[in-house]
């Protein structure tokens, strides 16, 4: 490619970027809902909390009211 033609191609690419500045999508991939924690991690947390609560109730009943 001749230097002048290469410069014209670069100028056209730059002007396309300038024209679309601010209107460009953040990503070409569609956005997906992301959880702060994985669903299995939430399940483990609920299992541990509920399981410990059940054990505390059983221990409380065995000791007497």
PDB file of N, CA and C in Angstrom:
ATOM      1  N   UNK A   1       0.841  -1.166   0.000  1.00  0.00           N
ATOM      2  CA  UNK A   1       0.000   0.000   0.000  1.00  0.00           C
ATOM      3  C   UNK A   1       0.896   1.241   0.000  1.00  0.00           C
ATOM      4  N   UNK A   2       0.540   2.195  -0.805  1.00  0.00           N
ATOM      5  CA  UNK A   2       1.314   3.432  -0.851  1.00  0.00           C
ATOM      6  C   UNK A   2       1.094   4.218   0.432  1.00  0.00           C
ATOM      7  N   UNK A   3       2.080   4.996   0.839  1.00  0.00           N
ATOM      8  CA  UNK A   3       1.943   5.750   2.096  1.00  0.00           C
ATOM      9  C   UNK A   3       0.718   6.659   2.117  1.00  0.00           C
ATOM     10  N   UNK A   4       0.404   7.306   0.996  1.00  0.00           N
ATOM     11  CA  UNK A   4      -0.747   8.214   0.972  1.00  0.00           C
ATOM     12  C   UNK A   4      -2.049   7.428   1.136  1.00  0.00           C
ATOM     13  N   UNK A   5      -2.138   6.291   0.469  1.00  0.00           N
ATOM     14  CA  UNK A   5      -3.343   5.464   0.588  1.00  0.00           C
ATOM     15  C   UNK A   5      -3.477   4.917   2.012  1.00  0.00           C
ATOM     16  N   UNK A   6      -2.373   4.511   2.604  1.00  0.00           N
ATOM     17  CA  UNK A   6      -2.386   4.008   3.979  1.00  0.00           C
ATOM     18  C   UNK A   6      -2.853   5.106   4.937  1.00  0.00           C
ATOM     19  N   UNK A   7      -2.409   6.339   4.691  1.00  0.00           N
ATOM     20  CA  UNK A   7      -2.814   7.466   5.526  1.00  0.00           C
ATOM     21  C   UNK A   7      -4.311   7.730   5.372  1.00  0.00           C
ATOM     22  N   UNK A   8      -4.823   7.615   4.155  1.00  0.00           N
ATOM     23  CA  UNK A   8      -6.262   7.820   3.932  1.00  0.00           C
ATOM     24  C   UNK A   8      -7.082   6.762   4.658  1.00  0.00           C
ATOM     25  N   UNK A   9      -6.639   5.517   4.624  1.00  0.00           N
ATOM     26  CA  UNK A   9      -7.347   4.435   5.317  1.00  0.00           C
ATOM     27  C   UNK A   9      -7.336   4.685   6.819  1.00  0.00           C
ATOM     28  N   UNK A  10      -6.189   5.107   7.352  1.00  0.00           N
ATOM     29  CA  UNK A  10      -6.092   5.392   8.781  1.00  0.00           C
ATOM     30  C   UNK A  10      -6.989   6.563   9.159  1.00  0.00           C
ATOM     31  N   UNK A  11      -7.032   7.588   8.322  1.00  0.00           N
ATOM     32  CA  UNK A  11      -7.894   8.746   8.597  1.00  0.00           C
ATOM     33  C   UNK A  11      -9.366   8.357   8.593  1.00  0.00           C
ATOM     34  N   UNK A  12      -9.768   7.508   7.661  1.00  0.00           N
ATOM     35  CA  UNK A  12     -11.165   7.071   7.611  1.00  0.00           C
ATOM     36  C   UNK A  12     -11.523   6.259   8.851  1.00  0.00           C
ATOM     37  N   UNK A  13     -10.632   5.378   9.261  1.00  0.00           N
ATOM     38  CA  UNK A  13     -10.891   4.578  10.463  1.00  0.00           C
ATOM     39  C   UNK A  13     -10.996   5.482  11.682  1.00  0.00           C
ATOM     40  N   UNK A  14     -10.127   6.493  11.762  1.00  0.00           N
ATOM     41  CA  UNK A  14     -10.163   7.412  12.897  1.00  0.00           C
ATOM     42  C   UNK A  14     -11.455   8.224  12.891  1.00  0.00           C
ATOM     43  N   UNK A  15     -11.867   8.702  11.717  1.00  0.00           N
ATOM     44  CA  UNK A  15     -13.085   9.523  11.665  1.00  0.00           C
ATOM     45  C   UNK A  15     -14.321   8.689  12.006  1.00  0.00           C
ATOM     46  N   UNK A  16     -14.311   7.400  11.693  1.00  0.00           N
ATOM     47  CA  UNK A  16     -15.432   6.539  12.098  1.00  0.00           C
ATOM     48  C   UNK A  16     -15.498   6.446  13.615  1.00  0.00           C
ATOM     49  N   UNK A  17     -14.335   6.350  14.246  1.00  0.00           N
ATOM     50  CA  UNK A  17     -14.308   6.290  15.708  1.00  0.00           C
ATOM     51  C   UNK A  17     -14.782   7.597  16.322  1.00  0.00           C
ATOM     52  N   UNK A  18     -14.406   8.718  15.739  1.00  0.00           N
ATOM     53  CA  UNK A  18     -14.793  10.017  16.278  1.00  0.00           C
ATOM     54  C   UNK A  18     -16.296  10.210  16.149  1.00  0.00           C
ATOM     55  N   UNK A  19     -16.865   9.810  15.010  1.00  0.00           N
ATOM     56  CA  UNK A  19     -18.299   9.991  14.782  1.00  0.00           C
ATOM     57  C   UNK A  19     -19.108   9.156  15.760  1.00  0.00           C
ATOM     58  N   UNK A  20     -18.650   7.944  16.038  1.00  0.00           N
ATOM     59  CA  UNK A  20     -19.425   7.058  16.911  1.00  0.00           C
ATOM     60  C   UNK A  20     -19.018   7.160  18.368  1.00  0.00           C
ATOM     61  N   UNK A  21     -18.197   8.112  18.704  1.00  0.00           N
ATOM     62  CA  UNK A  21     -17.740   8.259  20.091  1.00  0.00           C
ATOM     63  C   UNK A  21     -18.928   8.566  20.995  1.00  0.00           C
ATOM     64  N   UNK A  22     -19.040   7.831  22.082  1.00  0.00           N
ATOM     65  CA  UNK A  22     -20.139   8.013  23.023  1.00  0.00           C
ATOM     66  C   UNK A  22     -21.359   7.181  22.684  1.00  0.00           C
ATOM     67  N   UNK A  23     -21.431   6.666  21.471  1.00  0.00           N
ATOM     68  CA  UNK A  23     -22.577   5.856  21.055  1.00  0.00           C
ATOM     69  C   UNK A  23     -22.211   4.392  20.870  1.00  0.00           C
ATOM     70  N   UNK A  24     -21.026   4.034  21.274  1.00  0.00           N
ATOM     71  CA  UNK A  24     -20.551   2.668  21.086  1.00  0.00           C
ATOM     72  C   UNK A  24     -21.049   1.803  22.238  1.00  0.00           C
ATOM     73  N   UNK A  25     -21.508   0.618  21.916  1.00  0.00           N
ATOM     74  CA  UNK A  25     -21.952  -0.311  22.956  1.00  0.00           C
ATOM     75  C   UNK A  25     -20.754  -0.718  23.803  1.00  0.00           C
ATOM     76  N   UNK A  26     -20.993  -0.991  25.086  1.00  0.00           N
ATOM     77  CA  UNK A  26     -19.904  -1.370  25.975  1.00  0.00           C
ATOM     78  C   UNK A  26     -19.315  -2.712  25.583  1.00  0.00           C
ATOM     79  N   UNK A  27     -20.144  -3.587  25.083  1.00  0.00           N
ATOM     80  CA  UNK A  27     -19.666  -4.907  24.716  1.00  0.00           C
ATOM     81  C   UNK A  27     -20.502  -5.422  23.561  1.00  0.00           C
ATOM     82  N   UNK A  28     -19.900  -6.233  22.750  1.00  0.00           N
ATOM     83  CA  UNK A  28     -20.637  -6.829  21.643  1.00  0.00           C
ATOM     84  C   UNK A  28     -21.450  -8.021  22.127  1.00  0.00           C
ATOM     85  N   UNK A  29     -21.046  -8.591  23.255  1.00  0.00           N
ATOM     86  CA  UNK A  29     -21.784  -9.722  23.804  1.00  0.00           C
ATOM     87  C   UNK A  29     -23.021  -9.214  24.529  1.00  0.00           C
ATOM     88  N   UNK A  30     -24.134  -9.935  24.439  1.00  0.00           N
ATOM     89  CA  UNK A  30     -25.313  -9.520  25.206  1.00  0.00           C
ATOM     90  C   UNK A  30     -25.054  -9.659  26.699  1.00  0.00           C
ATOM     91  N   UNK A  31     -25.577  -8.717  27.462  1.00  0.00           N
ATOM     92  CA  UNK A  31     -25.369  -8.753  28.903  1.00  0.00           C
ATOM     93  C   UNK A  31     -26.209  -9.853  29.534  1.00  0.00           C
ATOM     94  N   UNK A  32     -25.608 -10.540  30.491  1.00  0.00           N
ATOM     95  CA  UNK A  32     -26.311 -11.581  31.226  1.00  0.00           C
ATOM     96  C   UNK A  32     -26.409 -11.152  32.673  1.00  0.00           C
ATOM     97  N   UNK A  33     -27.463 -11.609  33.320  1.00  0.00           N
ATOM     98  CA  UNK A  33     -27.598 -11.314  34.746  1.00  0.00           C
ATOM     99  C   UNK A  33     -26.538 -12.099  35.501  1.00  0.00           C
ATOM    100  N   UNK A  34     -25.781 -11.396  36.309  1.00  0.00           N
ATOM    101  CA  UNK A  34     -24.740 -12.055  37.088  1.00  0.00           C
ATOM    102  C   UNK A  34     -25.093 -11.950  38.557  1.00  0.00           C
ATOM    103  N   UNK A  35     -24.911 -13.051  39.254  1.00  0.00           N
ATOM    104  CA  UNK A  35     -25.177 -13.085  40.680  1.00  0.00           C
ATOM    105  C   UNK A  35     -23.915 -12.687  41.435  1.00  0.00           C
ATOM    106  N   UNK A  36     -24.110 -12.113  42.607  1.00  0.00           N
ATOM    107  CA  UNK A  36     -22.954 -11.770  43.429  1.00  0.00           C
ATOM    108  C   UNK A  36     -22.272 -13.046  43.927  1.00  0.00           C
ATOM    109  N   UNK A  37     -23.058 -14.098  44.143  1.00  0.00           N
ATOM    110  CA  UNK A  37     -22.518 -15.394  44.563  1.00  0.00           C
ATOM    111  C   UNK A  37     -23.172 -16.475  43.707  1.00  0.00           C
ATOM    112  N   UNK A  38     -22.457 -17.560  43.531  1.00  0.00           N
ATOM    113  CA  UNK A  38     -22.981 -18.662  42.734  1.00  0.00           C
ATOM    114  C   UNK A  38     -24.179 -19.289  43.447  1.00  0.00           C
ATOM    115  N   UNK A  39     -25.156 -19.780  42.691  1.00  0.00           N
ATOM    116  CA  UNK A  39     -26.337 -20.389  43.314  1.00  0.00           C
ATOM    117  C   UNK A  39     -25.998 -21.554  44.237  1.00  0.00           C
ATOM    118  N   UNK A  40     -25.000 -22.363  43.884  1.00  0.00           N
ATOM    119  CA  UNK A  40     -24.641 -23.491  44.753  1.00  0.00           C
ATOM    120  C   UNK A  40     -24.045 -22.988  46.059  1.00  0.00           C
ATOM    121  N   UNK A  41     -23.349 -21.862  46.024  1.00  0.00           N
ATOM    122  CA  UNK A  41     -22.779 -21.303  47.245  1.00  0.00           C
ATOM    123  C   UNK A  41     -23.879 -20.802  48.176  1.00  0.00           C
ATOM    124  N   UNK A  42     -24.899 -20.216  47.613  1.00  0.00           N
ATOM    125  CA  UNK A  42     -26.049 -19.780  48.413  1.00  0.00           C
ATOM    126  C   UNK A  42     -26.744 -20.988  49.020  1.00  0.00           C
ATOM    127  N   UNK A  43     -26.864 -22.075  48.244  1.00  0.00           N
ATOM    128  CA  UNK A  43     -27.468 -23.301  48.757  1.00  0.00           C
ATOM    129  C   UNK A  43     -26.692 -23.878  49.926  1.00  0.00           C
ATOM    130  N   UNK A  44     -25.376 -23.891  49.829  1.00  0.00           N
ATOM    131  CA  UNK A  44     -24.547 -24.391  50.933  1.00  0.00           C
ATOM    132  C   UNK A  44     -24.730 -23.512  52.164  1.00  0.00           C
ATOM    133  N   UNK A  45     -24.764 -22.209  51.972  1.00  0.00           N
ATOM    134  CA  UNK A  45     -24.944 -21.280  53.085  1.00  0.00           C
ATOM    135  C   UNK A  45     -26.280 -21.514  53.780  1.00  0.00           C
ATOM    136  N   UNK A  46     -27.352 -21.661  53.005  1.00  0.00           N
ATOM    137  CA  UNK A  46     -28.680 -21.918  53.586  1.00  0.00           C
ATOM    138  C   UNK A  46     -28.682 -23.254  54.317  1.00  0.00           C
ATOM    139  N   UNK A  47     -28.052 -24.270  53.743  1.00  0.00           N
ATOM    140  CA  UNK A  47     -27.979 -25.581  54.377  1.00  0.00           C
ATOM    141  C   UNK A  47     -27.274 -25.494  55.728  1.00  0.00           C
ATOM    142  N   UNK A  48     -26.167 -24.787  55.778  1.00  0.00           N
ATOM    143  CA  UNK A  48     -25.410 -24.672  57.027  1.00  0.00           C
ATOM    144  C   UNK A  48     -26.207 -23.899  58.069  1.00  0.00           C
ATOM    145  N   UNK A  49     -26.812 -22.797  57.669  1.00  0.00           N
ATOM    146  CA  UNK A  49     -27.568 -21.976  58.623  1.00  0.00           C
ATOM    147  C   UNK A  49     -28.777 -22.736  59.153  1.00  0.00           C
ATOM    148  N   UNK A  50     -29.560 -23.334  58.240  1.00  0.00           N
ATOM    149  CA  UNK A  50     -30.752 -24.074  58.678  1.00  0.00           C
ATOM    150  C   UNK A  50     -30.360 -25.310  59.484  1.00  0.00           C
ATOM    151  N   UNK A  51     -29.311 -25.998  59.071  1.00  0.00           N
ATOM    152  CA  UNK A  51     -28.863 -27.179  59.808  1.00  0.00           C
ATOM    153  C   UNK A  51     -28.421 -26.836  61.212  1.00  0.00           C
ATOM    154  N   UNK A  52     -27.680 -25.752  61.362  1.00  0.00           N
ATOM    155  CA  UNK A  52     -27.241 -25.373  62.705  1.00  0.00           C
ATOM    156  C   UNK A  52     -28.424 -24.927  63.557  1.00  0.00           C
ATOM    157  N   UNK A  53     -29.410 -24.292  62.948  1.00  0.00           N
ATOM    158  CA  UNK A  53     -30.605 -23.888  63.701  1.00  0.00           C
ATOM    159  C   UNK A  53     -31.366 -25.116  64.191  1.00  0.00           C
ATOM    160  N   UNK A  54     -31.470 -26.132  63.354  1.00  0.00           N
ATOM    161  CA  UNK A  54     -32.167 -27.360  63.750  1.00  0.00           C
ATOM    162  C   UNK A  54     -31.422 -28.038  64.899  1.00  0.00           C
ATOM    163  N   UNK A  55     -30.087 -28.109  64.806  1.00  0.00           N
ATOM    164  CA  UNK A  55     -29.312 -28.708  65.893  1.00  0.00           C
ATOM    165  C   UNK A  55     -29.463 -27.925  67.196  1.00  0.00           C
ATOM    166  N   UNK A  56     -29.530 -26.622  67.116  1.00  0.00           N
ATOM    167  CA  UNK A  56     -29.718 -25.809  68.322  1.00  0.00           C
ATOM    168  C   UNK A  56     -31.084 -26.072  68.948  1.00  0.00           C
ATOM    169  N   UNK A  57     -32.118 -26.211  68.127  1.00  0.00           N
ATOM    170  CA  UNK A  57     -33.457 -26.501  68.649  1.00  0.00           C
ATOM    171  C   UNK A  57     -33.464 -27.865  69.322  1.00  0.00           C
ATOM    172  N   UNK A  58     -32.845 -28.862  68.696  1.00  0.00           N
ATOM    173  CA  UNK A  58     -32.791 -30.204  69.281  1.00  0.00           C
ATOM    174  C   UNK A  58     -32.029 -30.168  70.604  1.00  0.00           C
ATOM    175  N   UNK A  59     -30.908 -29.461  70.647  1.00  0.00           N
ATOM    176  CA  UNK A  59     -30.123 -29.359  71.879  1.00  0.00           C
ATOM    177  C   UNK A  59     -30.925 -28.650  72.967  1.00  0.00           C
ATOM    178  N   UNK A  60     -31.668 -27.635  72.592  1.00  0.00           N
ATOM    179  CA  UNK A  60     -32.489 -26.880  73.543  1.00  0.00           C
ATOM    180  C   UNK A  60     -33.587 -27.770  74.130  1.00  0.00           C
ATOM    181  N   UNK A  61     -34.186 -28.607  73.270  1.00  0.00           N
ATOM    182  CA  UNK A  61     -35.252 -29.504  73.733  1.00  0.00           C
ATOM    183  C   UNK A  61     -34.677 -30.573  74.662  1.00  0.00           C
ATOM    184  N   UNK A  62     -33.499 -31.125  74.338  1.00  0.00           N
ATOM    185  CA  UNK A  62     -32.891 -32.158  75.178  1.00  0.00           C
ATOM    186  C   UNK A  62     -32.537 -31.623  76.560  1.00  0.00           C
ATOM    187  N   UNK A  63     -32.091 -30.380  76.643  1.00  0.00           N
ATOM    188  CA  UNK A  63     -31.708 -29.801  77.926  1.00  0.00           C
ATOM    189  C   UNK A  63     -32.937 -29.484  78.773  1.00  0.00           C
ATOM    190  N   UNK A  64     -34.055 -29.376  78.167  1.00  0.00           N
ATOM    191  CA  UNK A  64     -35.275 -29.036  78.890  1.00  0.00           C
ATOM    192  C   UNK A  64     -35.569 -27.554  78.767  1.00  0.00           C
ATOM    193  N   UNK A  65     -36.821 -27.252  78.868  1.00  0.00           N
ATOM    194  CA  UNK A  65     -37.231 -25.859  78.691  1.00  0.00           C
ATOM    195  C   UNK A  65     -36.719 -25.089  79.850  1.00  0.00           C
TER     196      UNK A  65
END
